[in-house]
């Protein structure tokens, strides 16, 4: 007979009591998951995206751009930490002191070799189930970006970008970010 592994499921309130040890934790259906530290390219792409989009949304008073580590609570026992989050002014009520209480307008996952499958499968399904209207998958290794739009309970690729193309979204009319700027990893 094979041994059975038993894991205790916890609530979000119990999850919030975990020690702040510098690790990035997520809660999925009551189970705790830990992510490895992101690599340099991940962080550069996230910084470029957050500064560009953050400045645009602030100037145009569209809402807030936030980034990990920050819990996005999608249910009683599920809280994820997308790399970047956009909350429109219409959804500002979701912003609480310690977490985002519901589905943001946009989440961005910057893919790393160690997390790409998890981000594309597990997390994407949870975002769809909770009603996140748009997800961007940014891949620094491949220098590509995908814009996914929710239709019903499934995401459809609105744009698959690479090379000299420009990242844009109907959520941010007039904002554009050339991929060659997003993926500029030259040392200064």
N, C-alpha and C. Protein backbone atom coordinates (compact mmCIF):
# COMPACT_ATOMS: atom_id res chain seq x y z
N UNK A 1 0.84 -1.17 0.00
CA UNK A 1 0.00 0.00 0.00
C UNK A 1 0.89 1.25 0.00
N UNK A 2 0.55 2.22 -0.84
CA UNK A 2 1.32 3.46 -0.95
C UNK A 2 0.98 4.40 0.21
N UNK A 3 2.01 5.07 0.77
CA UNK A 3 1.71 6.05 1.81
C UNK A 3 0.94 7.24 1.22
N UNK A 4 0.07 7.81 2.02
CA UNK A 4 -0.71 8.97 1.60
C UNK A 4 -0.18 10.20 2.28
N UNK A 5 0.08 11.22 1.48
CA UNK A 5 0.54 12.48 2.05
C UNK A 5 -0.68 13.32 2.42
N UNK A 6 -0.71 13.76 3.66
CA UNK A 6 -1.82 14.58 4.13
C UNK A 6 -1.30 15.99 4.39
N UNK A 7 -1.95 16.96 3.81
CA UNK A 7 -1.58 18.34 4.09
C UNK A 7 -2.77 19.07 4.67
N UNK A 8 -2.50 19.89 5.65
CA UNK A 8 -3.56 20.65 6.28
C UNK A 8 -3.85 21.87 5.44
N UNK A 9 -5.10 22.10 5.15
CA UNK A 9 -5.50 23.29 4.42
C UNK A 9 -5.72 24.41 5.42
N UNK A 10 -5.38 25.63 4.99
CA UNK A 10 -5.53 26.77 5.88
C UNK A 10 -6.38 27.84 5.23
N UNK A 11 -6.90 28.73 6.05
CA UNK A 11 -7.69 29.86 5.56
C UNK A 11 -6.76 31.02 5.24
N UNK A 12 -7.31 32.05 4.61
CA UNK A 12 -6.51 33.23 4.31
C UNK A 12 -6.05 33.92 5.59
N UNK A 13 -6.89 33.93 6.60
CA UNK A 13 -6.51 34.54 7.87
C UNK A 13 -5.31 33.83 8.48
N UNK A 14 -5.28 32.50 8.42
CA UNK A 14 -4.13 31.74 8.91
C UNK A 14 -2.90 31.99 8.04
N UNK A 15 -3.12 32.10 6.74
CA UNK A 15 -2.06 32.38 5.79
C UNK A 15 -1.37 33.71 6.12
N UNK A 16 -2.16 34.72 6.49
CA UNK A 16 -1.61 36.03 6.83
C UNK A 16 -0.72 35.98 8.08
N UNK A 17 -0.84 34.93 8.86
CA UNK A 17 -0.03 34.79 10.07
C UNK A 17 1.33 34.13 9.81
N UNK A 18 1.57 33.69 8.58
CA UNK A 18 2.88 33.10 8.27
C UNK A 18 3.96 34.14 8.50
N UNK A 19 5.16 33.70 8.90
CA UNK A 19 6.23 34.67 9.18
C UNK A 19 6.67 35.40 7.92
N UNK A 20 7.07 36.65 8.09
CA UNK A 20 7.61 37.44 6.97
C UNK A 20 9.09 37.11 6.87
N UNK A 21 9.40 36.07 6.09
CA UNK A 21 10.77 35.59 5.99
C UNK A 21 11.43 35.92 4.65
N UNK A 22 10.79 36.81 3.88
CA UNK A 22 11.37 37.22 2.61
C UNK A 22 10.98 36.32 1.44
N UNK A 23 10.32 35.21 1.70
CA UNK A 23 9.88 34.32 0.63
C UNK A 23 8.54 34.79 0.10
N UNK A 24 8.24 34.40 -1.12
CA UNK A 24 6.99 34.80 -1.77
C UNK A 24 6.02 33.63 -1.71
N UNK A 25 4.99 33.78 -0.89
CA UNK A 25 4.00 32.72 -0.68
C UNK A 25 2.70 33.06 -1.39
N UNK A 26 2.03 32.00 -1.86
CA UNK A 26 0.68 32.13 -2.41
C UNK A 26 -0.17 31.03 -1.80
N UNK A 27 -1.46 31.29 -1.70
CA UNK A 27 -2.41 30.34 -1.13
C UNK A 27 -3.38 29.93 -2.23
N UNK A 28 -3.40 28.64 -2.53
CA UNK A 28 -4.27 28.13 -3.59
C UNK A 28 -5.14 27.02 -3.01
N UNK A 29 -6.43 27.32 -2.92
CA UNK A 29 -7.40 26.36 -2.38
C UNK A 29 -6.93 25.83 -1.03
N UNK A 30 -6.41 26.72 -0.20
CA UNK A 30 -6.00 26.35 1.15
C UNK A 30 -4.61 25.78 1.28
N UNK A 31 -3.90 25.60 0.17
CA UNK A 31 -2.55 25.04 0.21
C UNK A 31 -1.52 26.14 -0.07
N UNK A 32 -0.45 26.16 0.73
CA UNK A 32 0.58 27.17 0.61
C UNK A 32 1.60 26.75 -0.45
N UNK A 33 1.92 27.69 -1.34
CA UNK A 33 2.93 27.49 -2.37
C UNK A 33 3.99 28.57 -2.22
N UNK A 34 5.24 28.22 -2.42
CA UNK A 34 6.33 29.19 -2.35
C UNK A 34 6.98 29.30 -3.73
N UNK A 35 7.33 30.53 -4.11
CA UNK A 35 7.97 30.76 -5.41
C UNK A 35 9.43 31.13 -5.19
N UNK A 36 10.30 30.69 -6.07
CA UNK A 36 11.71 31.08 -5.96
C UNK A 36 11.87 32.57 -6.27
N UNK A 37 12.98 33.14 -5.84
CA UNK A 37 13.26 34.54 -6.13
C UNK A 37 13.35 34.75 -7.64
N UNK A 38 12.84 35.89 -8.13
CA UNK A 38 12.94 36.16 -9.57
C UNK A 38 14.36 36.48 -9.98
N UNK A 39 14.64 36.27 -11.28
CA UNK A 39 15.98 36.59 -11.79
C UNK A 39 16.05 38.06 -12.22
N UNK A 40 17.23 38.47 -12.61
CA UNK A 40 17.48 39.88 -12.96
C UNK A 40 16.62 40.34 -14.14
N UNK A 41 16.54 39.54 -15.21
CA UNK A 41 15.74 39.94 -16.37
C UNK A 41 14.27 40.12 -15.98
N UNK A 42 13.77 39.24 -15.13
CA UNK A 42 12.40 39.36 -14.62
C UNK A 42 12.21 40.71 -13.97
N UNK A 43 13.14 41.08 -13.10
CA UNK A 43 13.02 42.32 -12.34
C UNK A 43 13.18 43.55 -13.23
N UNK A 44 14.08 43.50 -14.21
CA UNK A 44 14.24 44.64 -15.12
C UNK A 44 12.96 44.85 -15.93
N UNK A 45 12.40 43.77 -16.49
CA UNK A 45 11.16 43.88 -17.26
C UNK A 45 10.02 44.42 -16.39
N UNK A 46 9.93 43.93 -15.17
CA UNK A 46 8.88 44.40 -14.26
C UNK A 46 9.06 45.87 -13.94
N UNK A 47 10.29 46.30 -13.70
CA UNK A 47 10.56 47.70 -13.39
C UNK A 47 10.20 48.61 -14.57
N UNK A 48 10.63 48.23 -15.78
CA UNK A 48 10.33 49.03 -16.97
C UNK A 48 8.82 49.14 -17.16
N UNK A 49 8.13 48.01 -17.06
CA UNK A 49 6.68 48.00 -17.24
C UNK A 49 5.99 48.83 -16.16
N UNK A 50 6.36 48.64 -14.92
CA UNK A 50 5.67 49.34 -13.82
C UNK A 50 5.92 50.85 -13.86
N UNK A 51 7.12 51.28 -14.23
CA UNK A 51 7.38 52.72 -14.29
C UNK A 51 6.63 53.36 -15.47
N UNK A 52 6.63 52.70 -16.62
CA UNK A 52 5.93 53.24 -17.79
C UNK A 52 4.42 53.27 -17.57
N UNK A 53 3.85 52.15 -17.19
CA UNK A 53 2.40 52.06 -17.00
C UNK A 53 1.96 52.86 -15.78
N UNK A 54 2.76 52.83 -14.72
CA UNK A 54 2.43 53.59 -13.52
C UNK A 54 2.36 55.08 -13.79
N UNK A 55 3.34 55.61 -14.52
CA UNK A 55 3.34 57.04 -14.85
C UNK A 55 2.14 57.40 -15.71
N UNK A 56 1.81 56.55 -16.69
CA UNK A 56 0.69 56.82 -17.58
C UNK A 56 -0.63 56.82 -16.82
N UNK A 57 -0.85 55.81 -15.96
CA UNK A 57 -2.12 55.73 -15.24
C UNK A 57 -2.24 56.86 -14.21
N UNK A 58 -1.13 57.26 -13.61
CA UNK A 58 -1.17 58.37 -12.65
C UNK A 58 -1.48 59.69 -13.37
N UNK A 59 -0.78 59.96 -14.47
CA UNK A 59 -0.99 61.20 -15.23
C UNK A 59 -2.43 61.30 -15.72
N UNK A 60 -2.99 60.18 -16.15
CA UNK A 60 -4.34 60.17 -16.70
C UNK A 60 -5.41 59.80 -15.67
N UNK A 61 -5.00 59.66 -14.44
CA UNK A 61 -5.92 59.36 -13.31
C UNK A 61 -6.85 58.20 -13.62
N UNK A 62 -6.24 57.09 -14.06
CA UNK A 62 -7.00 55.90 -14.44
C UNK A 62 -7.18 54.91 -13.30
N UNK A 63 -6.29 54.95 -12.33
CA UNK A 63 -6.33 53.99 -11.24
C UNK A 63 -4.94 53.80 -10.67
N UNK A 64 -4.70 52.63 -10.08
CA UNK A 64 -3.43 52.33 -9.41
C UNK A 64 -2.73 51.14 -10.04
N UNK A 65 -1.42 51.28 -10.20
CA UNK A 65 -0.56 50.17 -10.59
C UNK A 65 0.20 49.76 -9.33
N UNK A 66 0.10 48.49 -8.97
CA UNK A 66 0.76 47.94 -7.79
C UNK A 66 1.55 46.71 -8.22
N UNK A 67 2.48 46.27 -7.38
CA UNK A 67 3.27 45.11 -7.77
C UNK A 67 3.62 44.27 -6.54
N UNK A 68 4.05 43.04 -6.82
CA UNK A 68 4.38 42.07 -5.77
C UNK A 68 5.57 42.58 -4.95
N UNK A 69 5.62 42.20 -3.70
CA UNK A 69 4.69 41.28 -3.04
C UNK A 69 3.45 42.00 -2.52
N UNK A 70 2.29 41.55 -2.96
CA UNK A 70 1.00 42.04 -2.50
C UNK A 70 -0.03 40.96 -2.80
N UNK A 71 -0.77 40.55 -1.79
CA UNK A 71 -1.78 39.51 -1.99
C UNK A 71 -2.97 40.04 -2.77
N UNK A 72 -3.44 39.22 -3.71
CA UNK A 72 -4.71 39.43 -4.39
C UNK A 72 -5.59 38.28 -3.92
N UNK A 73 -6.51 38.61 -3.03
CA UNK A 73 -7.37 37.58 -2.43
C UNK A 73 -8.54 37.31 -3.38
N UNK A 74 -8.54 36.09 -3.92
CA UNK A 74 -9.55 35.71 -4.90
C UNK A 74 -10.62 34.81 -4.32
N UNK A 75 -10.52 34.51 -3.05
CA UNK A 75 -11.50 33.67 -2.38
C UNK A 75 -11.11 33.48 -0.94
N UNK A 76 -11.94 32.76 -0.19
CA UNK A 76 -11.69 32.53 1.23
C UNK A 76 -10.36 31.83 1.48
N UNK A 77 -9.96 30.98 0.52
CA UNK A 77 -8.74 30.20 0.72
C UNK A 77 -7.77 30.31 -0.45
N UNK A 78 -7.86 31.41 -1.21
CA UNK A 78 -6.96 31.61 -2.34
C UNK A 78 -6.49 33.06 -2.40
N UNK A 79 -5.16 33.22 -2.41
CA UNK A 79 -4.54 34.54 -2.53
C UNK A 79 -3.27 34.38 -3.37
N UNK A 80 -3.21 35.11 -4.47
CA UNK A 80 -2.06 35.05 -5.37
C UNK A 80 -1.28 36.35 -5.30
N UNK A 81 -0.06 36.32 -5.81
CA UNK A 81 0.77 37.51 -5.88
C UNK A 81 1.24 37.71 -7.32
N UNK A 82 0.38 38.32 -8.15
CA UNK A 82 0.82 38.64 -9.51
C UNK A 82 2.00 39.60 -9.45
N UNK A 83 2.81 39.61 -10.49
CA UNK A 83 3.95 40.51 -10.52
C UNK A 83 3.51 41.97 -10.57
N UNK A 84 2.44 42.25 -11.32
CA UNK A 84 1.93 43.61 -11.43
C UNK A 84 0.41 43.55 -11.45
N UNK A 85 -0.21 44.57 -10.89
CA UNK A 85 -1.67 44.62 -10.75
C UNK A 85 -2.13 46.01 -11.16
N UNK A 86 -3.23 46.10 -11.91
CA UNK A 86 -3.86 47.38 -12.16
C UNK A 86 -5.27 47.33 -11.61
N UNK A 87 -5.60 48.35 -10.81
CA UNK A 87 -6.94 48.52 -10.26
C UNK A 87 -7.46 49.86 -10.79
N UNK A 88 -8.52 49.81 -11.59
CA UNK A 88 -9.12 51.04 -12.12
C UNK A 88 -9.81 51.80 -11.00
N UNK A 89 -10.09 53.07 -11.26
CA UNK A 89 -10.82 53.88 -10.27
C UNK A 89 -12.17 53.26 -9.93
N UNK A 90 -12.82 52.65 -10.92
CA UNK A 90 -14.12 52.02 -10.68
C UNK A 90 -14.02 50.83 -9.73
N UNK A 91 -12.83 50.24 -9.63
CA UNK A 91 -12.61 49.08 -8.77
C UNK A 91 -11.81 49.43 -7.50
N UNK A 92 -11.62 50.72 -7.23
CA UNK A 92 -10.79 51.16 -6.11
C UNK A 92 -11.23 50.57 -4.77
N UNK A 93 -12.50 50.22 -4.65
CA UNK A 93 -13.00 49.62 -3.41
C UNK A 93 -12.33 48.28 -3.09
N UNK A 94 -11.66 47.66 -4.06
CA UNK A 94 -10.96 46.39 -3.83
C UNK A 94 -9.67 46.57 -3.03
N UNK A 95 -9.15 47.79 -3.00
CA UNK A 95 -7.87 48.04 -2.34
C UNK A 95 -8.09 48.17 -0.84
N UNK A 96 -7.61 47.19 -0.10
CA UNK A 96 -7.66 47.22 1.35
C UNK A 96 -6.25 47.44 1.88
N UNK A 97 -6.13 47.63 3.16
CA UNK A 97 -4.82 47.95 3.75
C UNK A 97 -3.78 46.86 3.49
N UNK A 98 -4.15 45.59 3.63
CA UNK A 98 -3.19 44.49 3.56
C UNK A 98 -3.27 43.63 2.31
N UNK A 99 -4.26 43.86 1.46
CA UNK A 99 -4.42 43.01 0.27
C UNK A 99 -5.43 43.63 -0.69
N UNK A 100 -5.52 43.05 -1.87
CA UNK A 100 -6.55 43.39 -2.85
C UNK A 100 -7.67 42.38 -2.66
N UNK A 101 -8.88 42.86 -2.44
CA UNK A 101 -10.01 41.99 -2.10
C UNK A 101 -10.88 41.71 -3.32
N UNK A 102 -10.35 40.94 -4.26
CA UNK A 102 -11.11 40.57 -5.44
C UNK A 102 -10.28 40.67 -6.70
N UNK A 103 -10.95 40.53 -7.82
CA UNK A 103 -10.29 40.46 -9.13
C UNK A 103 -9.91 41.85 -9.64
N UNK A 104 -8.61 42.11 -9.84
CA UNK A 104 -8.18 43.36 -10.45
C UNK A 104 -8.61 43.44 -11.91
N UNK A 105 -8.50 44.63 -12.50
CA UNK A 105 -8.80 44.79 -13.92
C UNK A 105 -7.75 44.08 -14.77
N UNK A 106 -6.48 44.12 -14.29
CA UNK A 106 -5.36 43.53 -15.03
C UNK A 106 -4.39 42.90 -14.05
N UNK A 107 -3.88 41.73 -14.39
CA UNK A 107 -2.73 41.16 -13.71
C UNK A 107 -1.68 40.84 -14.77
N UNK A 108 -0.42 41.01 -14.36
CA UNK A 108 0.70 40.71 -15.24
C UNK A 108 1.58 39.69 -14.55
N UNK A 109 1.92 38.65 -15.26
CA UNK A 109 2.88 37.66 -14.79
C UNK A 109 4.10 37.74 -15.69
N UNK A 110 5.25 38.04 -15.07
CA UNK A 110 6.51 38.01 -15.79
C UNK A 110 7.04 36.59 -15.61
N UNK A 111 7.13 35.86 -16.70
CA UNK A 111 7.47 34.44 -16.65
C UNK A 111 8.95 34.22 -16.38
N UNK A 112 9.23 33.26 -15.53
CA UNK A 112 10.59 32.79 -15.28
C UNK A 112 10.61 31.32 -15.66
N UNK A 113 11.77 30.78 -16.03
CA UNK A 113 11.81 29.36 -16.39
C UNK A 113 11.23 28.45 -15.30
N UNK A 114 11.43 28.80 -14.05
CA UNK A 114 10.96 27.95 -12.95
C UNK A 114 9.47 28.12 -12.65
N UNK A 115 8.83 29.19 -13.13
CA UNK A 115 7.43 29.44 -12.79
C UNK A 115 6.49 29.51 -13.99
N UNK A 116 7.00 29.45 -15.20
CA UNK A 116 6.18 29.67 -16.39
C UNK A 116 4.99 28.71 -16.48
N UNK A 117 5.21 27.44 -16.24
CA UNK A 117 4.11 26.47 -16.32
C UNK A 117 3.06 26.75 -15.25
N UNK A 118 3.50 27.03 -14.05
CA UNK A 118 2.60 27.37 -12.93
C UNK A 118 1.79 28.62 -13.26
N UNK A 119 2.44 29.65 -13.80
CA UNK A 119 1.75 30.89 -14.15
C UNK A 119 0.73 30.67 -15.26
N UNK A 120 1.11 29.89 -16.28
CA UNK A 120 0.24 29.67 -17.44
C UNK A 120 -0.92 28.72 -17.15
N UNK A 121 -0.73 27.78 -16.27
CA UNK A 121 -1.79 26.79 -16.03
C UNK A 121 -2.56 27.11 -14.74
N UNK A 122 -1.93 26.90 -13.63
CA UNK A 122 -2.60 27.04 -12.34
C UNK A 122 -3.13 28.45 -12.10
N UNK A 123 -2.27 29.44 -12.20
CA UNK A 123 -2.69 30.80 -11.87
C UNK A 123 -3.66 31.36 -12.90
N UNK A 124 -3.44 31.09 -14.17
CA UNK A 124 -4.33 31.61 -15.21
C UNK A 124 -5.76 31.10 -15.02
N UNK A 125 -5.90 29.84 -14.66
CA UNK A 125 -7.24 29.27 -14.41
C UNK A 125 -7.92 29.97 -13.23
N UNK A 126 -7.16 30.27 -12.20
CA UNK A 126 -7.72 30.96 -11.03
C UNK A 126 -8.11 32.40 -11.37
N UNK A 127 -7.31 33.06 -12.19
CA UNK A 127 -7.65 34.42 -12.62
C UNK A 127 -8.96 34.40 -13.43
N UNK A 128 -9.09 33.44 -14.32
CA UNK A 128 -10.31 33.34 -15.14
C UNK A 128 -11.52 33.07 -14.27
N UNK A 129 -11.38 32.14 -13.36
CA UNK A 129 -12.48 31.77 -12.47
C UNK A 129 -12.96 32.96 -11.64
N UNK A 130 -12.03 33.82 -11.25
CA UNK A 130 -12.39 34.95 -10.39
C UNK A 130 -12.82 36.18 -11.18
N UNK A 131 -12.61 36.19 -12.51
CA UNK A 131 -13.09 37.28 -13.33
C UNK A 131 -12.10 38.39 -13.63
N UNK A 132 -10.79 38.11 -13.57
CA UNK A 132 -9.80 39.11 -13.98
C UNK A 132 -9.95 39.31 -15.48
N UNK A 133 -10.28 40.53 -15.91
CA UNK A 133 -10.65 40.74 -17.31
C UNK A 133 -9.49 40.67 -18.30
N UNK A 134 -8.27 40.99 -17.83
CA UNK A 134 -7.13 40.94 -18.74
C UNK A 134 -5.89 40.45 -18.01
N UNK A 135 -5.12 39.61 -18.68
CA UNK A 135 -3.86 39.09 -18.15
C UNK A 135 -2.80 39.27 -19.22
N UNK A 136 -1.63 39.75 -18.79
CA UNK A 136 -0.48 39.82 -19.69
C UNK A 136 0.54 38.83 -19.21
N UNK A 137 1.09 38.05 -20.14
CA UNK A 137 2.18 37.13 -19.85
C UNK A 137 3.41 37.67 -20.56
N UNK A 138 4.37 38.10 -19.76
CA UNK A 138 5.60 38.71 -20.27
C UNK A 138 6.71 37.68 -20.13
N UNK A 139 7.39 37.35 -21.23
CA UNK A 139 8.44 36.35 -21.20
C UNK A 139 9.79 36.98 -21.57
N UNK A 140 10.60 37.34 -20.56
CA UNK A 140 11.90 37.96 -20.84
C UNK A 140 12.86 37.06 -21.60
N UNK A 141 12.81 35.75 -21.37
CA UNK A 141 13.70 34.81 -22.07
C UNK A 141 13.44 34.83 -23.57
N UNK A 142 12.18 34.76 -23.96
CA UNK A 142 11.80 34.73 -25.37
C UNK A 142 11.59 36.13 -25.95
N UNK A 143 11.58 37.14 -25.08
CA UNK A 143 11.31 38.53 -25.48
C UNK A 143 9.96 38.64 -26.18
N UNK A 144 8.93 38.07 -25.53
CA UNK A 144 7.57 38.10 -26.07
C UNK A 144 6.60 38.55 -25.00
N UNK A 145 5.43 38.98 -25.45
CA UNK A 145 4.34 39.37 -24.55
C UNK A 145 3.03 38.88 -25.15
N UNK A 146 2.15 38.39 -24.29
CA UNK A 146 0.82 37.98 -24.72
C UNK A 146 -0.20 38.78 -23.94
N UNK A 147 -1.20 39.30 -24.62
CA UNK A 147 -2.32 39.99 -24.00
C UNK A 147 -3.51 39.05 -24.11
N UNK A 148 -4.02 38.63 -22.96
CA UNK A 148 -5.13 37.69 -22.91
C UNK A 148 -6.37 38.41 -22.39
N UNK A 149 -7.48 38.24 -23.07
CA UNK A 149 -8.74 38.88 -22.70
C UNK A 149 -9.74 37.80 -22.29
N UNK A 150 -10.41 38.02 -21.16
CA UNK A 150 -11.39 37.07 -20.65
C UNK A 150 -12.69 37.17 -21.44
N UNK A 151 -13.16 36.02 -21.92
CA UNK A 151 -14.46 35.92 -22.57
C UNK A 151 -15.17 34.75 -21.92
N UNK A 152 -16.21 35.04 -21.17
CA UNK A 152 -16.87 34.01 -20.38
C UNK A 152 -15.95 33.62 -19.25
N UNK A 153 -15.53 32.37 -19.23
CA UNK A 153 -14.61 31.89 -18.19
C UNK A 153 -13.29 31.42 -18.77
N UNK A 154 -12.98 31.85 -20.02
CA UNK A 154 -11.73 31.45 -20.66
C UNK A 154 -11.03 32.67 -21.23
N UNK A 155 -9.70 32.57 -21.28
CA UNK A 155 -8.91 33.63 -21.89
C UNK A 155 -8.65 33.32 -23.35
N UNK A 156 -8.70 34.38 -24.15
CA UNK A 156 -8.37 34.28 -25.56
C UNK A 156 -7.24 35.26 -25.83
N UNK A 157 -6.33 34.86 -26.71
CA UNK A 157 -5.17 35.69 -27.03
C UNK A 157 -5.64 36.85 -27.89
N UNK A 158 -5.53 38.05 -27.33
CA UNK A 158 -5.87 39.26 -28.08
C UNK A 158 -4.66 39.71 -28.90
N UNK A 159 -3.45 39.49 -28.35
CA UNK A 159 -2.23 39.85 -29.07
C UNK A 159 -1.09 38.97 -28.59
N UNK A 160 -0.31 38.46 -29.54
CA UNK A 160 0.92 37.74 -29.26
C UNK A 160 2.03 38.54 -29.91
N UNK A 161 2.89 39.12 -29.08
CA UNK A 161 3.84 40.12 -29.56
C UNK A 161 5.28 39.68 -29.42
N UNK A 162 6.11 40.13 -30.34
CA UNK A 162 7.54 39.85 -30.29
C UNK A 162 8.27 40.84 -31.19
N UNK A 163 9.59 40.75 -31.19
CA UNK A 163 10.40 41.58 -32.08
C UNK A 163 10.24 43.06 -31.82
N UNK A 164 9.93 43.80 -32.87
CA UNK A 164 9.81 45.26 -32.80
C UNK A 164 8.39 45.72 -32.51
N UNK A 165 7.52 44.82 -32.10
CA UNK A 165 6.13 45.19 -31.85
C UNK A 165 5.99 45.99 -30.55
N UNK A 166 4.78 46.50 -30.33
CA UNK A 166 4.52 47.40 -29.22
C UNK A 166 3.41 46.82 -28.35
N UNK A 167 3.63 46.81 -27.03
CA UNK A 167 2.62 46.36 -26.08
C UNK A 167 1.63 47.50 -25.86
N UNK A 168 0.35 47.20 -25.97
CA UNK A 168 -0.71 48.17 -25.76
C UNK A 168 -1.95 47.43 -25.27
N UNK A 169 -2.93 48.18 -24.78
CA UNK A 169 -4.16 47.57 -24.29
C UNK A 169 -5.29 48.58 -24.36
N UNK A 170 -6.49 48.08 -24.60
CA UNK A 170 -7.66 48.96 -24.60
C UNK A 170 -7.94 49.50 -23.19
N UNK A 171 -7.37 48.89 -22.16
CA UNK A 171 -7.51 49.42 -20.80
C UNK A 171 -6.81 50.77 -20.64
N UNK A 172 -5.81 51.03 -21.50
CA UNK A 172 -4.98 52.23 -21.39
C UNK A 172 -4.87 52.94 -22.74
N UNK A 173 -5.95 53.57 -23.20
CA UNK A 173 -5.92 54.23 -24.52
C UNK A 173 -4.79 55.26 -24.60
N UNK A 174 -3.95 55.10 -25.60
CA UNK A 174 -2.83 56.03 -25.80
C UNK A 174 -1.51 55.56 -25.21
N UNK A 175 -1.53 54.54 -24.38
CA UNK A 175 -0.28 54.03 -23.80
C UNK A 175 0.29 52.95 -24.70
N UNK A 176 1.58 52.99 -24.92
CA UNK A 176 2.29 51.97 -25.68
C UNK A 176 3.68 51.78 -25.08
N UNK A 177 4.18 50.56 -25.14
CA UNK A 177 5.54 50.27 -24.70
C UNK A 177 6.19 49.35 -25.73
N UNK A 178 7.19 49.86 -26.47
CA UNK A 178 7.89 49.00 -27.42
C UNK A 178 8.58 47.84 -26.70
N UNK A 179 8.48 46.66 -27.25
CA UNK A 179 9.10 45.49 -26.62
C UNK A 179 10.60 45.63 -26.53
N UNK A 180 11.21 46.34 -27.48
CA UNK A 180 12.67 46.49 -27.40
C UNK A 180 13.08 47.34 -26.19
N UNK A 181 12.19 48.16 -25.65
CA UNK A 181 12.45 48.87 -24.39
C UNK A 181 12.18 47.97 -23.19
N UNK A 182 11.11 47.19 -23.27
CA UNK A 182 10.75 46.29 -22.18
C UNK A 182 11.83 45.24 -21.94
N UNK A 183 12.44 44.78 -23.01
CA UNK A 183 13.42 43.72 -22.92
C UNK A 183 14.85 44.20 -23.18
N UNK A 184 15.16 45.40 -22.76
CA UNK A 184 16.52 45.94 -22.90
C UNK A 184 17.31 45.56 -21.65
N UNK A 185 18.08 44.50 -21.73
CA UNK A 185 18.80 43.96 -20.58
C UNK A 185 20.29 44.29 -20.62
N UNK A 186 20.67 45.23 -21.47
CA UNK A 186 22.08 45.63 -21.52
C UNK A 186 22.47 46.25 -20.19
N UNK A 187 23.68 46.01 -19.78
CA UNK A 187 24.15 46.65 -18.56
C UNK A 187 24.43 48.12 -18.85
N UNK A 188 24.25 48.95 -17.83
CA UNK A 188 24.40 50.39 -18.04
C UNK A 188 25.83 50.85 -17.97
